[in-house]
Amino acid sequence: MIVGLDIDSVLADFQTKLRQSVKNVFNVDFAGSFYTDVRNQFCITKEEEYKKFEDIFKNTADFPPVSGAAEGCKQLKKDGHSLIAITARKYREVTRQWMNENGFPDIPICFMDLGDYIPEVDCLLDDYPKKIATLHDSTRLQAFLLDCPWNQHSYDIFNRYKRVRNWPHFIKEIRLLNR
């Protein structure tokens, strides 16, 4: 199977870095989890968001990986699956370097915001329901929503995804699909 994987909050722990950056940029301290829709939360445009947070994406070396992500990717490859990372990031080399330095296997990366072709995948793992809806037509079998605090109140009224708790749960579901 071809498995599509989001990078931020699925492979990379974007939330920790985002909370630090929001504190530095806006002088706002968020305790606990943070919702990913920065534009909505701070009433800023996409352009303003990119300008304010450009340094986050240029310097991702200190993003920790999501717990179990690198090991999960290795297991999926060992099980014979092809992987592709799908991201809205704009910095190709920084992202590739981060994946290499954090123990991920060699995975091709689709940079959506840079105009890369979005490949069809059999399964997709993302943390953002809106992206699952956008990529729904490119997903042949099943989309999975990684359970995160910011998607707790998302409702799948069109049956577009199955919620998974963590990487081990995702691996288990992929194995069930592959029977």
Foldseek 3Di string as FASTA:
>chain_A
DEEEEEPDPAWWPVFVVVQVLCCVQVVDHDPDGDADPPCVVVVHDPVVCCVSCVVCLVDVLPTATFPCRQVLQVVCVVVPYAYEYEYCRDDPVNVQVSCVVRNHDDHHYAHVVVPGDDAQGQEYEEQDVVVLVVCLVSHNHEYEHADDPNCPPPDDPPRSHHYADGSVRVSVVVVVVVD
